[in-house]
Amino acid sequence: MSAESSGASYAAAGVDIEAGDRAVDLMKEWVKKATRPEVVGGLGGFAGLFDASALKRYERPLLASATDGVGTKVDIARKMGVYDSIGHDLVGMVVDDLVVCGAEPLFMTDYICVGKVYPERVAAIVKGIAEGCVLAGCALVGGETAEHPGLLGADEFDVAGAGTGVVEADRVLGADRIRTGDAVIAMASSGLHSNGYSLVRHVLFDRAGMALDREVPEFGRTLGEELLEPTKIYSLDCLALTRTTDVHAFSHITGGGLANNLARVIPDGLHATVDRGTWTPGAVFDLVGSAGAVERGELEKTLNMGVGMIAVVPQDSVQAALTTLADRGVDAWVSGEVVDRGDHAEAVTLTGDYAS
């Protein structure tokens, strides 16, 4: 046997360059759909290009950046053999962090790490990312697919993404704008979104022994289908609010739950009260709580409990805000108000019981 034929190779180490090239070919059609006029060039370069001259219309443009993943929800996708919804989730987790400060999402990049490149699977993930970018109004300007044999199993993968947005300096939203008497408007989540899946998986699979293909009457579909429900993307809805109302702040309800995330935009000296009785959490939250005997406080600091985004607006903007959101098909309601801190030790208090 010749030295050439017996020598080590990248392929022998488990990395399939040809499969990676095939994945790129398959994803190109989807990436083309996730674009903006400012994008320069196409897929395949070492870096994505975005024409920054478009920012000249701003007096003082501030660039906002965010990065995130989708956590252990990828394990559900892997077991279900469904991959595009995970890409959609990734976009939602990133762009809705950007829009909290009032920034318009401009572009995203992604990173997909796999144990083995299956071109169709990678392309499906990118398809979901591209579709999510279209819903968010941003471009997908590039990404990376990395094959890690020996570190990940052949069917294992993870995804991450980073996004960039822009906001006028004097239009940045946040705690400094909030005043006593402001209303807290809740926007319904589409389900669990992409947080708390370590608890969900532990409760439903390890403790309750449920199967992903189990039909759940309360869901009207299988458990796996419910758990893979894509994260709602609010960015364009929030930007619409900034144009039609005097929004003071947004809060993206992700890991840590409603109270902890809303507290991040409540200034010292003020307090937000949120009435649980203004909404009914979806059936999936009840299932997690009952199957694992999870206390309400633990659920509330882990899961979004049916609220994916909060807008804080002055009282005279409430009706306009609710009308704007209703016109865009967003289920929203007044859930609380901002008051003086007084004797409250915490920035946010959840009161009452959830509506049945």
Protein backbone atom coordinates (compact mmCIF):
# COMPACT_ATOMS: atom_id res chain seq x y z
CA MET A 1 0.00 0.00 0.00
CA SER A 2 1.39 3.38 -0.95
CA ALA A 3 2.17 6.07 1.59
CA GLU A 4 -0.40 8.29 -0.14
CA SER A 5 -3.26 5.82 0.23
CA SER A 6 -2.43 4.93 3.84
CA GLY A 7 -1.96 8.50 5.06
CA ALA A 8 -4.44 10.41 7.19
CA SER A 9 -6.99 12.69 5.55
CA TYR A 10 -9.63 15.19 6.54
CA ALA A 11 -12.31 12.80 5.29
CA ALA A 12 -10.87 9.97 7.38
CA ALA A 13 -11.04 12.26 10.41
CA GLY A 14 -14.76 12.63 9.76
CA VAL A 15 -15.05 15.95 7.90
CA ASP A 16 -16.81 15.79 4.54
CA ILE A 17 -15.94 18.90 2.52
CA GLU A 18 -18.07 17.81 -0.42
CA ALA A 19 -21.13 17.46 1.81
CA GLY A 20 -20.49 20.98 3.09
CA ASP A 21 -20.37 22.31 -0.45
CA ARG A 22 -23.61 20.51 -1.25
CA ALA A 23 -25.26 22.11 1.79
CA VAL A 24 -24.23 25.56 0.57
CA ASP A 25 -25.72 24.86 -2.85
CA LEU A 26 -29.01 23.78 -1.28
CA MET A 27 -29.31 26.81 0.99
CA LYS A 28 -28.58 29.46 -1.65
CA GLU A 29 -32.18 29.79 -2.83
CA TRP A 30 -33.37 30.50 0.70
CA VAL A 31 -30.65 33.00 1.53
CA LYS A 32 -31.54 34.98 -1.61
CA LYS A 33 -35.00 35.56 -0.17
CA ALA A 34 -33.64 37.02 3.07
CA THR A 35 -32.13 40.21 1.74
CA ARG A 36 -32.38 43.98 1.80
CA PRO A 37 -31.38 46.62 -0.77
CA GLU A 38 -28.29 47.44 1.29
CA VAL A 39 -26.79 43.95 0.93
CA VAL A 40 -23.78 43.88 -1.40
CA GLY A 41 -22.70 40.66 -3.11
CA GLY A 42 -24.04 37.19 -2.51
CA LEU A 43 -23.46 34.02 -0.56
CA GLY A 44 -19.99 32.49 -0.66
CA GLY A 45 -17.67 35.31 0.35
CA PHE A 46 -15.54 35.33 3.47
CA ALA A 47 -17.68 38.11 4.94
CA GLY A 48 -21.12 39.54 4.34
CA LEU A 49 -21.25 43.10 3.03
CA PHE A 50 -23.85 45.71 3.96
CA ASP A 51 -23.89 49.21 2.48
CA ALA A 52 -23.56 51.49 5.51
CA SER A 53 -24.22 54.61 3.43
CA ALA A 54 -27.88 53.81 4.02
CA LEU A 55 -27.34 55.04 7.58
CA LYS A 56 -26.67 58.60 6.37
CA ARG A 57 -30.35 59.39 6.86
CA TYR A 58 -29.78 59.11 10.62
CA GLU A 59 -28.58 62.13 12.58
CA ARG A 60 -26.64 59.95 15.00
CA PRO A 61 -27.03 56.25 14.21
CA LEU A 62 -26.28 53.82 17.01
CA LEU A 63 -25.56 50.23 16.02
CA ALA A 64 -27.11 47.58 18.26
CA SER A 65 -25.88 43.99 18.37
CA ALA A 66 -27.20 40.78 19.89
CA THR A 67 -26.33 37.11 19.82
CA ASP A 68 -28.19 34.02 20.99
CA GLY A 69 -29.05 30.39 20.36
CA VAL A 70 -32.11 28.23 20.97
CA GLY A 71 -30.83 26.09 23.83
CA THR A 72 -31.82 22.48 24.27
CA LYS A 73 -34.83 22.89 22.00
CA VAL A 74 -32.47 21.55 19.32
CA ASP A 75 -32.78 18.14 20.95
CA ILE A 76 -36.53 18.12 20.26
CA ALA A 77 -35.90 19.08 16.64
CA ARG A 78 -33.31 16.34 16.26
CA LYS A 79 -35.61 13.67 17.67
CA MET A 80 -38.55 14.90 15.57
CA GLY A 81 -36.46 15.15 12.41
CA VAL A 82 -37.77 18.70 11.87
CA TYR A 83 -35.12 21.37 11.38
CA ASP A 84 -36.51 24.52 9.77
CA SER A 85 -38.46 25.69 12.83
CA ILE A 86 -35.22 25.85 14.82
CA GLY A 87 -33.88 28.39 12.34
CA HIS A 88 -37.03 30.48 12.79
CA ASP A 89 -36.52 30.31 16.58
CA LEU A 90 -32.96 31.54 16.24
CA VAL A 91 -34.01 34.68 14.40
CA GLY A 92 -36.70 35.45 16.95
CA MET A 93 -34.31 35.17 19.87
CA VAL A 94 -31.83 37.57 18.27
CA VAL A 95 -33.92 40.24 16.51
CA ASP A 96 -36.36 40.66 19.38
CA ASP A 97 -33.46 41.46 21.69
CA LEU A 98 -32.37 44.11 19.19
CA VAL A 99 -35.77 45.77 18.90
CA VAL A 100 -36.10 46.22 22.67
CA CYS A 101 -33.96 49.36 22.46
CA GLY A 102 -35.92 50.55 19.42
CA ALA A 103 -33.38 49.30 16.89
CA GLU A 104 -34.42 48.16 13.42
CA PRO A 105 -32.78 44.78 12.70
CA LEU A 106 -30.56 45.11 9.62
CA PHE A 107 -28.78 41.80 9.15
CA MET A 108 -27.91 38.48 10.76
CA THR A 109 -25.23 35.84 10.50
CA ASP A 110 -25.55 32.26 11.71
CA TYR A 111 -23.32 29.48 13.02
CA ILE A 112 -24.38 25.86 12.67
CA CYS A 113 -22.28 23.20 14.36
CA VAL A 114 -22.94 19.55 13.46
CA GLY A 115 -21.44 16.17 14.21
CA LYS A 116 -21.84 15.22 10.57
CA VAL A 117 -22.96 17.34 7.63
CA TYR A 118 -26.20 16.10 6.14
CA PRO A 119 -26.71 18.72 3.42
CA GLU A 120 -30.51 18.57 3.45
CA ARG A 121 -30.62 19.06 7.22
CA VAL A 122 -28.28 22.04 7.17
CA ALA A 123 -30.23 23.56 4.29
CA ALA A 124 -33.48 23.09 6.23
CA ILE A 125 -32.06 24.97 9.22
CA VAL A 126 -30.91 27.81 6.96
CA LYS A 127 -34.31 27.81 5.25
CA GLY A 128 -35.89 28.50 8.64
CA ILE A 129 -33.36 31.22 9.41
CA ALA A 130 -34.00 32.89 6.05
CA GLU A 131 -37.77 32.73 6.50
CA GLY A 132 -37.40 34.20 9.98
CA CYS A 133 -35.28 37.03 8.62
CA VAL A 134 -38.00 37.85 6.10
CA LEU A 135 -40.54 38.06 8.94
CA ALA A 136 -38.15 40.28 10.89
CA GLY A 137 -37.35 42.57 7.96
CA CYS A 138 -33.62 41.88 8.11
CA ALA A 139 -31.10 40.25 5.78
CA LEU A 140 -29.15 37.03 6.21
CA VAL A 141 -25.72 38.07 5.00
CA GLY A 142 -23.64 35.02 5.83
CA GLY A 143 -22.90 32.18 8.17
CA GLU A 144 -20.74 29.19 8.95
CA THR A 145 -21.34 25.46 9.08
CA ALA A 146 -18.78 23.57 11.15
CA GLU A 147 -18.43 19.79 11.29
CA HIS A 148 -17.16 18.46 14.64
CA PRO A 149 -16.76 14.69 14.42
CA GLY A 150 -15.68 13.13 17.70
CA LEU A 151 -17.16 15.98 19.71
CA LEU A 152 -20.76 15.66 18.55
CA GLY A 153 -22.64 12.55 17.51
CA ALA A 154 -23.50 12.24 13.83
CA ASP A 155 -27.10 13.43 14.45
CA GLU A 156 -26.24 16.13 17.00
CA PHE A 157 -26.11 19.83 16.18
CA ASP A 158 -26.37 23.30 17.66
CA VAL A 159 -27.14 26.73 16.23
CA ALA A 160 -26.26 30.29 17.16
CA GLY A 161 -26.69 33.64 15.49
CA ALA A 162 -25.73 37.28 15.75
CA GLY A 163 -27.63 40.30 14.55
CA THR A 164 -27.02 44.00 14.02
CA GLY A 165 -29.57 46.79 14.10
CA VAL A 166 -29.66 50.57 14.09
CA VAL A 167 -31.51 53.19 16.11
CA GLU A 168 -31.42 56.98 16.20
CA ALA A 169 -29.57 58.06 19.34
CA ASP A 170 -32.40 60.24 20.62
CA ARG A 171 -34.93 57.44 19.98
CA VAL A 172 -33.29 54.78 22.13
CA LEU A 173 -35.92 53.15 24.33
CA GLY A 174 -35.39 52.06 27.90
CA ALA A 175 -35.74 52.67 31.60
CA ASP A 176 -34.96 56.39 31.44
CA ARG A 177 -38.21 57.01 29.52
CA ILE A 178 -40.56 55.19 31.88
CA ARG A 179 -42.80 57.29 34.13
CA THR A 180 -45.32 56.67 36.91
CA GLY A 181 -48.70 55.82 35.42
CA ASP A 182 -47.36 54.11 32.31
CA ALA A 183 -49.32 51.09 31.14
CA VAL A 184 -47.79 47.63 30.74
CA ILE A 185 -49.04 46.00 27.53
CA ALA A 186 -48.49 42.26 27.12
CA MET A 187 -48.16 40.53 23.76
CA ALA A 188 -49.07 36.85 23.62
CA SER A 189 -46.38 34.27 23.02
CA SER A 190 -46.83 31.42 20.55
CA GLY A 191 -45.97 28.93 23.27
CA LEU A 192 -42.74 28.07 25.05
CA HIS A 193 -40.63 29.94 22.47
CA SER A 194 -37.00 28.87 23.04
CA ASN A 195 -36.43 29.03 26.77
CA GLY A 196 -36.77 26.63 29.65
CA TYR A 197 -36.42 23.45 27.60
CA SER A 198 -34.05 21.86 30.08
CA LEU A 199 -36.85 22.01 32.66
CA VAL A 200 -39.48 20.99 30.08
CA ARG A 201 -37.48 17.99 28.89
CA HIS A 202 -36.70 16.89 32.44
CA VAL A 203 -40.34 17.10 33.50
CA LEU A 204 -42.05 15.65 30.44
CA PHE A 205 -39.54 12.99 29.42
CA ASP A 206 -37.46 12.05 32.47
CA ARG A 207 -40.18 12.33 35.11
CA ALA A 208 -43.45 11.82 33.25
CA GLY A 209 -42.09 9.43 30.61
CA MET A 210 -44.04 11.07 27.79
CA ALA A 211 -43.29 10.40 24.12
CA LEU A 212 -42.99 13.03 21.43
CA ASP A 213 -45.62 11.31 19.30
CA ARG A 214 -48.17 11.31 22.12
CA GLU A 215 -51.42 12.97 21.08
CA VAL A 216 -52.41 15.64 23.59
CA PRO A 217 -56.09 16.64 23.32
CA GLU A 218 -55.47 20.06 24.88
CA PHE A 219 -52.99 20.82 22.09
CA GLY A 220 -54.94 19.27 19.24
CA ARG A 221 -51.66 17.76 18.04
CA THR A 222 -48.72 15.71 19.30
CA LEU A 223 -46.50 16.72 22.18
CA GLY A 224 -43.53 17.05 19.82
CA GLU A 225 -45.42 19.35 17.47
CA GLU A 226 -46.37 21.59 20.37
CA LEU A 227 -42.83 21.72 21.70
CA LEU A 228 -41.51 22.70 18.27
CA GLU A 229 -43.99 25.58 17.82
CA PRO A 230 -41.78 28.40 16.43
CA THR A 231 -40.93 31.45 18.49
CA LYS A 232 -43.07 34.44 17.59
CA ILE A 233 -41.06 37.23 15.96
CA TYR A 234 -42.21 40.65 17.20
CA SER A 235 -39.64 43.01 15.68
CA LEU A 236 -41.80 44.54 12.94
CA ASP A 237 -44.76 44.77 15.31
CA CYS A 238 -42.64 46.63 17.86
CA LEU A 239 -41.23 48.95 15.21
CA ALA A 240 -44.79 49.70 14.09
CA LEU A 241 -45.58 50.72 17.66
CA THR A 242 -42.65 53.13 17.69
CA ARG A 243 -44.14 54.85 14.63
CA THR A 244 -47.73 55.06 15.86
CA THR A 245 -47.34 55.53 19.62
CA ASP A 246 -45.03 57.03 22.20
CA VAL A 247 -43.45 53.77 23.37
CA HIS A 248 -41.21 54.14 26.39
CA ALA A 249 -39.71 50.65 26.60
CA PHE A 250 -39.96 47.05 25.47
CA SER A 251 -39.02 43.87 27.32
CA HIS A 252 -38.37 40.58 25.53
CA ILE A 253 -39.62 37.80 27.79
CA THR A 254 -37.04 35.03 27.53
CA GLY A 255 -35.00 33.09 30.10
CA GLY A 256 -35.83 34.29 33.60
CA GLY A 257 -39.51 34.86 32.90
CA LEU A 258 -41.72 37.91 32.80
CA ALA A 259 -40.86 39.54 36.13
CA ASN A 260 -37.10 39.27 35.78
CA ASN A 261 -37.01 40.52 32.19
CA LEU A 262 -39.44 43.39 32.77
CA ALA A 263 -37.39 44.42 35.80
CA ARG A 264 -34.46 45.11 33.46
CA VAL A 265 -36.24 48.19 32.08
CA ILE A 266 -37.89 49.48 35.28
CA PRO A 267 -35.88 52.42 36.70
CA ASP A 268 -34.93 52.91 40.32
CA GLY A 269 -37.76 54.41 42.31
CA LEU A 270 -40.52 52.88 40.18
CA HIS A 271 -42.37 49.57 40.29
CA ALA A 272 -44.41 47.60 37.79
CA THR A 273 -47.42 45.55 38.84
CA VAL A 274 -48.66 42.85 36.47
CA ASP A 275 -52.04 41.22 36.99
CA ARG A 276 -52.03 37.51 36.18
CA GLY A 277 -55.79 37.64 35.89
CA THR A 278 -55.57 39.49 32.57
CA TRP A 279 -54.61 36.35 30.64
CA THR A 280 -54.70 32.57 30.59
CA PRO A 281 -51.39 30.75 29.96
CA GLY A 282 -51.53 28.13 27.21
CA ALA A 283 -52.10 24.46 27.91
CA VAL A 284 -48.41 23.61 27.53
CA PHE A 285 -47.59 25.61 30.67
CA ASP A 286 -50.26 23.75 32.62
CA LEU A 287 -48.87 20.43 31.39
CA VAL A 288 -45.31 21.23 32.49
CA GLY A 289 -46.53 22.42 35.87
CA SER A 290 -48.78 19.46 36.57
CA ALA A 291 -46.55 16.72 35.14
CA GLY A 292 -43.61 17.82 37.25
CA ALA A 293 -45.42 19.25 40.27
CA VAL A 294 -43.55 22.46 39.46
CA GLU A 295 -44.45 25.33 41.75
CA ARG A 296 -45.85 28.46 40.13
CA GLY A 297 -42.87 30.55 41.17
CA GLU A 298 -40.48 28.12 39.51
CA LEU A 299 -42.54 28.11 36.31
CA GLU A 300 -42.67 31.91 36.26
CA LYS A 301 -38.93 32.36 36.61
CA THR A 302 -38.25 29.80 33.87
CA LEU A 303 -41.00 30.06 31.24
CA ASN A 304 -42.73 33.01 29.55
CA MET A 305 -46.18 31.81 30.76
CA GLY A 306 -47.88 33.07 27.61
CA VAL A 307 -46.31 36.51 27.27
CA GLY A 308 -43.46 36.95 24.77
CA MET A 309 -43.03 40.71 24.64
CA ILE A 310 -43.97 43.68 26.83
CA ALA A 311 -44.45 47.29 25.73
CA VAL A 312 -44.51 50.09 28.30
CA VAL A 313 -46.46 53.09 27.02
CA PRO A 314 -48.03 56.23 28.51
CA GLN A 315 -51.74 55.99 29.27
CA ASP A 316 -52.69 58.27 26.38
CA SER A 317 -51.01 55.85 23.94
CA VAL A 318 -52.72 52.69 25.15
CA GLN A 319 -55.60 52.62 22.69
CA ALA A 320 -53.38 53.47 19.73
CA ALA A 321 -50.95 50.73 20.76
CA LEU A 322 -53.66 48.10 21.11
CA THR A 323 -55.17 49.13 17.77
CA THR A 324 -51.81 48.94 16.00
CA LEU A 325 -51.12 45.49 17.39
CA ALA A 326 -54.63 44.23 16.62
CA ASP A 327 -54.32 45.46 13.04
CA ARG A 328 -51.11 43.43 12.77
CA GLY A 329 -52.75 40.30 14.17
CA VAL A 330 -50.97 40.45 17.53
CA ASP A 331 -52.98 39.37 20.58
CA ALA A 332 -52.24 42.08 23.16
CA TRP A 333 -53.81 43.49 26.32
CA VAL A 334 -53.13 45.85 29.22
CA SER A 335 -51.65 43.68 31.95
CA GLY A 336 -50.46 46.20 34.51
CA GLU A 337 -49.08 49.63 35.29
CA VAL A 338 -46.03 51.47 36.58
CA VAL A 339 -46.28 53.01 40.06
CA ASP A 340 -43.93 54.53 42.60
CA ARG A 341 -41.63 51.96 44.22
CA GLY A 342 -42.84 52.68 47.74
CA ASP A 343 -42.17 49.74 50.03
CA HIS A 344 -41.77 47.25 47.19
CA ALA A 345 -38.45 45.42 47.43
CA GLU A 346 -38.62 44.16 43.84
CA ALA A 347 -38.97 46.13 40.62
CA VAL A 348 -41.87 43.95 39.38
CA THR A 349 -44.69 42.18 41.19
CA LEU A 350 -47.07 39.63 39.68
CA THR A 351 -50.45 39.78 41.40
CA GLY A 352 -53.60 37.63 41.52
CA ASP A 353 -54.20 34.31 39.83
CA TYR A 354 -54.23 33.45 36.13
CA ALA A 355 -57.61 33.59 34.43
CA SER A 356 -59.13 30.17 33.88
